[in-house]
PDB file of N, CA and C in Angstrom:
ATOM      1  N   UNK A   1       1.475 151.378 -25.829  1.00  0.00           N
ATOM      2  CA  UNK A   1       0.637 153.186 -25.267  1.00  0.00           C
ATOM      3  C   UNK A   1      -0.283 153.816 -26.511  1.00  0.00           C
ATOM      4  N   UNK A   2      -1.166 153.755 -26.696  1.00  0.00           N
ATOM      5  CA  UNK A   2      -2.071 154.851 -27.592  1.00  0.00           C
ATOM      6  C   UNK A   2      -1.411 156.063 -28.324  1.00  0.00           C
ATOM      7  N   UNK A   3      -1.218 156.156 -29.551  1.00  0.00           N
ATOM      8  CA  UNK A   3      -0.890 157.287 -29.725  1.00  0.00           C
ATOM      9  C   UNK A   3      -0.930 158.947 -29.221  1.00  0.00           C
ATOM     10  N   UNK A   4      -2.206 158.640 -28.729  1.00  0.00           N
ATOM     11  CA  UNK A   4      -3.372 159.851 -28.309  1.00  0.00           C
ATOM     12  C   UNK A   4      -2.571 160.306 -27.179  1.00  0.00           C
ATOM     13  N   UNK A   5      -2.252 159.079 -26.035  1.00  0.00           N
ATOM     14  CA  UNK A   5      -1.933 158.642 -24.905  1.00  0.00           C
ATOM     15  C   UNK A   5      -0.278 159.645 -24.849  1.00  0.00           C
ATOM     16  N   UNK A   6       0.240 159.272 -25.833  1.00  0.00           N
ATOM     17  CA  UNK A   6       1.531 159.874 -25.778  1.00  0.00           C
ATOM     18  C   UNK A   6       1.463 161.018 -26.223  1.00  0.00           C
ATOM     19  N   UNK A   7       1.021 162.113 -27.523  1.00  0.00           N
ATOM     20  CA  UNK A   7       0.816 163.562 -27.206  1.00  0.00           C
ATOM     21  C   UNK A   7      -0.108 164.184 -26.452  1.00  0.00           C
ATOM     22  N   UNK A   8      -0.748 163.807 -25.267  1.00  0.00           N
ATOM     23  CA  UNK A   8      -0.754 164.541 -24.722  1.00  0.00           C
ATOM     24  C   UNK A   8       0.159 164.253 -23.396  1.00  0.00           C
ATOM     25  N   UNK A   9       0.703 163.371 -23.173  1.00  0.00           N
ATOM     26  CA  UNK A   9       1.677 163.060 -22.076  1.00  0.00           C
ATOM     27  C   UNK A   9       2.407 163.944 -22.374  1.00  0.00           C
ATOM     28  N   UNK A  10       3.643 164.098 -23.564  1.00  0.00           N
ATOM     29  CA  UNK A  10       3.910 165.137 -24.375  1.00  0.00           C
ATOM     30  C   UNK A  10       3.464 166.545 -24.176  1.00  0.00           C
ATOM     31  N   UNK A  11       2.002 167.057 -24.302  1.00  0.00           N
ATOM     32  CA  UNK A  11       2.054 168.499 -24.431  1.00  0.00           C
ATOM     33  C   UNK A  11       1.955 168.289 -22.997  1.00  0.00           C
ATOM     34  N   UNK A  12       1.100 167.789 -21.271  1.00  0.00           N
ATOM     35  CA  UNK A  12       2.029 168.040 -20.258  1.00  0.00           C
ATOM     36  C   UNK A  12       3.244 168.578 -19.926  1.00  0.00           C
ATOM     37  N   UNK A  13       4.209 167.415 -20.167  1.00  0.00           N
ATOM     38  CA  UNK A  13       5.869 167.905 -20.210  1.00  0.00           C
ATOM     39  C   UNK A  13       5.890 169.830 -20.473  1.00  0.00           C
ATOM     40  N   UNK A  14       4.786 169.908 -21.056  1.00  0.00           N
ATOM     41  CA  UNK A  14       5.518 170.710 -22.171  1.00  0.00           C
ATOM     42  C   UNK A  14       5.131 172.359 -21.342  1.00  0.00           C
ATOM     43  N   UNK A  15       4.398 171.592 -20.732  1.00  0.00           N
ATOM     44  CA  UNK A  15       2.937 173.037 -20.417  1.00  0.00           C
ATOM     45  C   UNK A  15       3.803 172.554 -18.364  1.00  0.00           C
ATOM     46  N   UNK A  16       4.361 172.137 -18.374  1.00  0.00           N
ATOM     47  CA  UNK A  16       4.050 172.071 -16.743  1.00  0.00           C
ATOM     48  C   UNK A  16       6.636 172.857 -16.557  1.00  0.00           C
ATOM     49  N   UNK A  17       7.092 172.845 -17.435  1.00  0.00           N
ATOM     50  CA  UNK A  17       8.206 173.320 -18.500  1.00  0.00           C
ATOM     51  C   UNK A  17       8.320 174.399 -18.151  1.00  0.00           C
ATOM     52  N   UNK A  18       6.587 175.095 -18.611  1.00  0.00           N
ATOM     53  CA  UNK A  18       6.482 177.115 -18.806  1.00  0.00           C
ATOM     54  C   UNK A  18       7.318 177.600 -17.583  1.00  0.00           C
ATOM     55  N   UNK A  19       7.204 177.118 -16.041  1.00  0.00           N
ATOM     56  CA  UNK A  19       7.966 177.965 -14.882  1.00  0.00           C
ATOM     57  C   UNK A  19       8.793 177.926 -15.317  1.00  0.00           C
ATOM     58  N   UNK A  20      10.070 177.391 -15.593  1.00  0.00           N
ATOM     59  CA  UNK A  20      11.353 177.813 -15.205  1.00  0.00           C
ATOM     60  C   UNK A  20      11.842 179.343 -17.392  1.00  0.00           C
ATOM     61  N   UNK A  21      11.042 179.261 -17.452  1.00  0.00           N
ATOM     62  CA  UNK A  21      11.138 179.961 -18.887  1.00  0.00           C
ATOM     63  C   UNK A  21      10.812 181.889 -17.760  1.00  0.00           C
ATOM     64  N   UNK A  22      11.885 182.400 -18.169  1.00  0.00           N
ATOM     65  CA  UNK A  22      11.450 184.091 -18.042  1.00  0.00           C
ATOM     66  C   UNK A  22       9.829 183.885 -18.535  1.00  0.00           C
ATOM     67  N   UNK A  23       9.848 185.251 -17.740  1.00  0.00           N
ATOM     68  CA  UNK A  23       8.142 185.558 -18.093  1.00  0.00           C
ATOM     69  C   UNK A  23       7.863 186.501 -19.018  1.00  0.00           C
ATOM     70  N   UNK A  24       9.096 187.140 -19.920  1.00  0.00           N
ATOM     71  CA  UNK A  24       8.740 187.765 -20.980  1.00  0.00           C
ATOM     72  C   UNK A  24       8.509 186.895 -22.237  1.00  0.00           C
ATOM     73  N   UNK A  25       8.302 185.302 -21.460  1.00  0.00           N
ATOM     74  CA  UNK A  25       8.869 183.579 -22.932  1.00  0.00           C
ATOM     75  C   UNK A  25       7.347 183.502 -23.051  1.00  0.00           C
ATOM     76  N   UNK A  26       6.833 183.103 -21.696  1.00  0.00           N
ATOM     77  CA  UNK A  26       5.561 182.135 -21.392  1.00  0.00           C
ATOM     78  C   UNK A  26       4.593 182.275 -22.561  1.00  0.00           C
ATOM     79  N   UNK A  27       4.104 183.981 -22.598  1.00  0.00           N
ATOM     80  CA  UNK A  27       2.868 183.691 -23.614  1.00  0.00           C
ATOM     81  C   UNK A  27       3.551 183.203 -25.126  1.00  0.00           C
ATOM     82  N   UNK A  28       4.809 183.925 -25.414  1.00  0.00           N
ATOM     83  CA  UNK A  28       5.023 183.470 -26.868  1.00  0.00           C
ATOM     84  C   UNK A  28       5.376 182.078 -26.670  1.00  0.00           C
ATOM     85  N   UNK A  29       5.771 181.384 -26.050  1.00  0.00           N
ATOM     86  CA  UNK A  29       6.560 180.099 -26.245  1.00  0.00           C
ATOM     87  C   UNK A  29       4.708 179.228 -25.885  1.00  0.00           C
ATOM     88  N   UNK A  30       3.985 179.560 -25.358  1.00  0.00           N
ATOM     89  CA  UNK A  30       2.027 178.974 -25.100  1.00  0.00           C
ATOM     90  C   UNK A  30       1.654 178.978 -26.881  1.00  0.00           C
ATOM     91  N   UNK A  31       1.874 180.628 -26.982  1.00  0.00           N
ATOM     92  CA  UNK A  31       0.982 180.069 -27.954  1.00  0.00           C
ATOM     93  C   UNK A  31       1.887 180.181 -29.319  1.00  0.00           C
ATOM     94  N   UNK A  32       2.968 179.691 -29.421  1.00  0.00           N
ATOM     95  CA  UNK A  32       3.755 179.542 -30.873  1.00  0.00           C
ATOM     96  C   UNK A  32       3.929 177.403 -30.950  1.00  0.00           C
ATOM     97  N   UNK A  33       4.546 177.827 -29.670  1.00  0.00           N
ATOM     98  CA  UNK A  33       4.611 176.274 -29.624  1.00  0.00           C
ATOM     99  C   UNK A  33       3.480 175.293 -29.190  1.00  0.00           C
ATOM    100  N   UNK A  34       2.871 175.253 -28.365  1.00  0.00           N
ATOM    101  CA  UNK A  34       1.931 174.959 -27.536  1.00  0.00           C
ATOM    102  C   UNK A  34       0.088 174.619 -28.278  1.00  0.00           C
ATOM    103  N   UNK A  35       0.018 175.966 -28.880  1.00  0.00           N
ATOM    104  CA  UNK A  35      -1.108 176.389 -29.093  1.00  0.00           C
ATOM    105  C   UNK A  35      -1.387 175.280 -30.896  1.00  0.00           C
ATOM    106  N   UNK A  36       0.047 176.166 -31.429  1.00  0.00           N
ATOM    107  CA  UNK A  36      -0.125 175.534 -33.010  1.00  0.00           C
ATOM    108  C   UNK A  36      -0.473 173.808 -33.618  1.00  0.00           C
ATOM    109  N   UNK A  37       0.056 173.378 -31.890  1.00  0.00           N
ATOM    110  CA  UNK A  37       0.341 172.062 -32.559  1.00  0.00           C
ATOM    111  C   UNK A  37      -0.343 171.331 -31.316  1.00  0.00           C
ATOM    112  N   UNK A  38      -2.138 171.715 -31.383  1.00  0.00           N
ATOM    113  CA  UNK A  38      -2.781 171.918 -30.413  1.00  0.00           C
ATOM    114  C   UNK A  38      -3.597 170.574 -30.602  1.00  0.00           C
ATOM    115  N   UNK A  39      -3.803 169.744 -29.447  1.00  0.00           N
ATOM    116  CA  UNK A  39      -5.201 168.540 -29.974  1.00  0.00           C
ATOM    117  C   UNK A  39      -6.661 169.170 -30.278  1.00  0.00           C
ATOM    118  N   UNK A  40      -6.906 168.730 -31.108  1.00  0.00           N
ATOM    119  CA  UNK A  40      -8.260 169.158 -30.900  1.00  0.00           C
ATOM    120  C   UNK A  40      -9.061 168.382 -29.841  1.00  0.00           C
ATOM    121  N   UNK A  41      -8.853 168.045 -29.311  1.00  0.00           N
ATOM    122  CA  UNK A  41     -10.009 167.674 -28.227  1.00  0.00           C
ATOM    123  C   UNK A  41     -10.713 168.541 -26.762  1.00  0.00           C
ATOM    124  N   UNK A  42     -11.567 168.574 -26.191  1.00  0.00           N
ATOM    125  CA  UNK A  42     -12.681 170.231 -26.029  1.00  0.00           C
ATOM    126  C   UNK A  42     -11.726 169.550 -25.211  1.00  0.00           C
ATOM    127  N   UNK A  43     -11.066 169.015 -24.014  1.00  0.00           N
ATOM    128  CA  UNK A  43     -10.650 168.975 -22.603  1.00  0.00           C
ATOM    129  C   UNK A  43      -9.363 169.850 -22.707  1.00  0.00           C
ATOM    130  N   UNK A  44      -8.472 169.529 -23.861  1.00  0.00           N
ATOM    131  CA  UNK A  44      -7.247 170.533 -23.611  1.00  0.00           C
ATOM    132  C   UNK A  44      -7.382 171.768 -24.172  1.00  0.00           C
ATOM    133  N   UNK A  45      -8.383 172.706 -24.971  1.00  0.00           N
ATOM    134  CA  UNK A  45      -9.103 173.804 -24.836  1.00  0.00           C
ATOM    135  C   UNK A  45      -9.392 174.045 -24.579  1.00  0.00           C
ATOM    136  N   UNK A  46      -9.964 173.438 -23.575  1.00  0.00           N
ATOM    137  CA  UNK A  46     -10.378 174.357 -22.384  1.00  0.00           C
ATOM    138  C   UNK A  46      -9.109 174.209 -20.748  1.00  0.00           C
ATOM    139  N   UNK A  47      -8.652 173.451 -20.930  1.00  0.00           N
ATOM    140  CA  UNK A  47      -6.700 173.603 -20.403  1.00  0.00           C
ATOM    141  C   UNK A  47      -6.369 174.743 -20.893  1.00  0.00           C
ATOM    142  N   UNK A  48      -6.400 175.241 -22.441  1.00  0.00           N
ATOM    143  CA  UNK A  48      -5.434 176.081 -22.588  1.00  0.00           C
ATOM    144  C   UNK A  48      -6.217 176.992 -22.182  1.00  0.00           C
ATOM    145  N   UNK A  49      -7.740 176.798 -22.393  1.00  0.00           N
ATOM    146  CA  UNK A  49      -8.159 178.460 -21.799  1.00  0.00           C
ATOM    147  C   UNK A  49      -8.021 178.450 -20.637  1.00  0.00           C
ATOM    148  N   UNK A  50      -8.028 178.060 -19.437  1.00  0.00           N
ATOM    149  CA  UNK A  50      -7.673 177.869 -18.188  1.00  0.00           C
ATOM    150  C   UNK A  50      -6.660 178.586 -17.992  1.00  0.00           C
ATOM    151  N   UNK A  51      -5.325 177.916 -18.858  1.00  0.00           N
ATOM    152  CA  UNK A  51      -4.208 178.351 -18.095  1.00  0.00           C
ATOM    153  C   UNK A  51      -3.928 179.588 -19.416  1.00  0.00           C
ATOM    154  N   UNK A  52      -4.470 180.063 -20.091  1.00  0.00           N
ATOM    155  CA  UNK A  52      -4.786 181.837 -20.365  1.00  0.00           C
ATOM    156  C   UNK A  52      -5.358 182.588 -19.495  1.00  0.00           C
ATOM    157  N   UNK A  53      -6.545 182.674 -18.976  1.00  0.00           N
ATOM    158  CA  UNK A  53      -7.130 183.138 -17.814  1.00  0.00           C
ATOM    159  C   UNK A  53      -6.972 183.521 -17.239  1.00  0.00           C
ATOM    160  N   UNK A  54      -6.009 182.353 -16.233  1.00  0.00           N
ATOM    161  CA  UNK A  54      -5.261 182.714 -15.093  1.00  0.00           C
ATOM    162  C   UNK A  54      -3.996 182.929 -14.476  1.00  0.00           C
ATOM    163  N   UNK A  55      -3.376 182.272 -15.750  1.00  0.00           N
ATOM    164  CA  UNK A  55      -1.387 181.981 -15.936  1.00  0.00           C
ATOM    165  C   UNK A  55      -1.395 182.704 -16.143  1.00  0.00           C
ATOM    166  N   UNK A  56      -1.468 182.957 -17.525  1.00  0.00           N
ATOM    167  CA  UNK A  56      -0.857 183.541 -18.808  1.00  0.00           C
ATOM    168  C   UNK A  56      -1.073 185.007 -18.782  1.00  0.00           C
ATOM    169  N   UNK A  57      -2.407 185.468 -19.084  1.00  0.00           N
ATOM    170  CA  UNK A  57      -2.440 186.736 -20.352  1.00  0.00           C
ATOM    171  C   UNK A  57      -2.119 187.663 -18.780  1.00  0.00           C
ATOM    172  N   UNK A  58      -1.944 189.041 -19.383  1.00  0.00           N
ATOM    173  CA  UNK A  58      -0.788 190.205 -18.473  1.00  0.00           C
ATOM    174  C   UNK A  58      -2.226 189.884 -17.409  1.00  0.00           C
ATOM    175  N   UNK A  59      -3.047 190.405 -17.809  1.00  0.00           N
ATOM    176  CA  UNK A  59      -4.427 190.416 -16.138  1.00  0.00           C
ATOM    177  C   UNK A  59      -4.623 189.916 -16.244  1.00  0.00           C
ATOM    178  N   UNK A  60      -4.018 188.348 -15.613  1.00  0.00           N
ATOM    179  CA  UNK A  60      -4.731 187.176 -15.329  1.00  0.00           C
ATOM    180  C   UNK A  60      -4.651 187.612 -13.385  1.00  0.00           C
ATOM    181  N   UNK A  61      -5.016 186.521 -13.021  1.00  0.00           N
ATOM    182  CA  UNK A  61      -4.514 186.481 -11.292  1.00  0.00           C
ATOM    183  C   UNK A  61      -3.630 186.426 -11.290  1.00  0.00           C
ATOM    184  N   UNK A  62      -2.349 185.124 -12.144  1.00  0.00           N
ATOM    185  CA  UNK A  62      -1.075 185.041 -11.914  1.00  0.00           C
ATOM    186  C   UNK A  62      -0.606 185.132 -12.857  1.00  0.00           C
ATOM    187  N   UNK A  63       0.349 185.855 -13.096  1.00  0.00           N
ATOM    188  CA  UNK A  63       0.274 186.379 -14.071  1.00  0.00           C
ATOM    189  C   UNK A  63       2.407 185.356 -14.180  1.00  0.00           C
ATOM    190  N   UNK A  64       2.917 185.954 -15.169  1.00  0.00           N
ATOM    191  CA  UNK A  64       4.057 185.275 -15.350  1.00  0.00           C
ATOM    192  C   UNK A  64       4.661 185.363 -14.895  1.00  0.00           C
ATOM    193  N   UNK A  65       5.155 186.807 -14.143  1.00  0.00           N
ATOM    194  CA  UNK A  65       6.426 187.156 -13.680  1.00  0.00           C
ATOM    195  C   UNK A  65       5.698 186.802 -11.636  1.00  0.00           C
ATOM    196  N   UNK A  66       4.739 186.394 -11.854  1.00  0.00           N
ATOM    197  CA  UNK A  66       4.706 185.692 -10.338  1.00  0.00           C
ATOM    198  C   UNK A  66       4.301 184.087 -10.182  1.00  0.00           C
ATOM    199  N   UNK A  67       4.594 183.731 -10.824  1.00  0.00           N
ATOM    200  CA  UNK A  67       5.492 182.120 -11.090  1.00  0.00           C
ATOM    201  C   UNK A  67       6.500 181.417 -11.793  1.00  0.00           C
ATOM    202  N   UNK A  68       6.666 182.204 -12.694  1.00  0.00           N
ATOM    203  CA  UNK A  68       7.747 181.422 -14.012  1.00  0.00           C
ATOM    204  C   UNK A  68       9.337 182.237 -13.432  1.00  0.00           C
ATOM    205  N   UNK A  69      10.389 181.321 -13.865  1.00  0.00           N
ATOM    206  CA  UNK A  69      11.693 181.741 -13.304  1.00  0.00           C
ATOM    207  C   UNK A  69      11.769 181.003 -11.611  1.00  0.00           C
TER     208      UNK A  69
END
């Protein structure tokens, strides 16, 4: 498997694991663990922006207290 595919696979596994974190830790985990090691691919950046706007930010439609834990 290509390195790029492996990196993306690991990234997605971590993203889908966010729902098991306590709501207060989701934003920090995303910022510290995922966004600092983010690939430079535009599609990954767009995906992270979508997650932040719709599921992570406190004023999003579905903030972490709604879906995590």
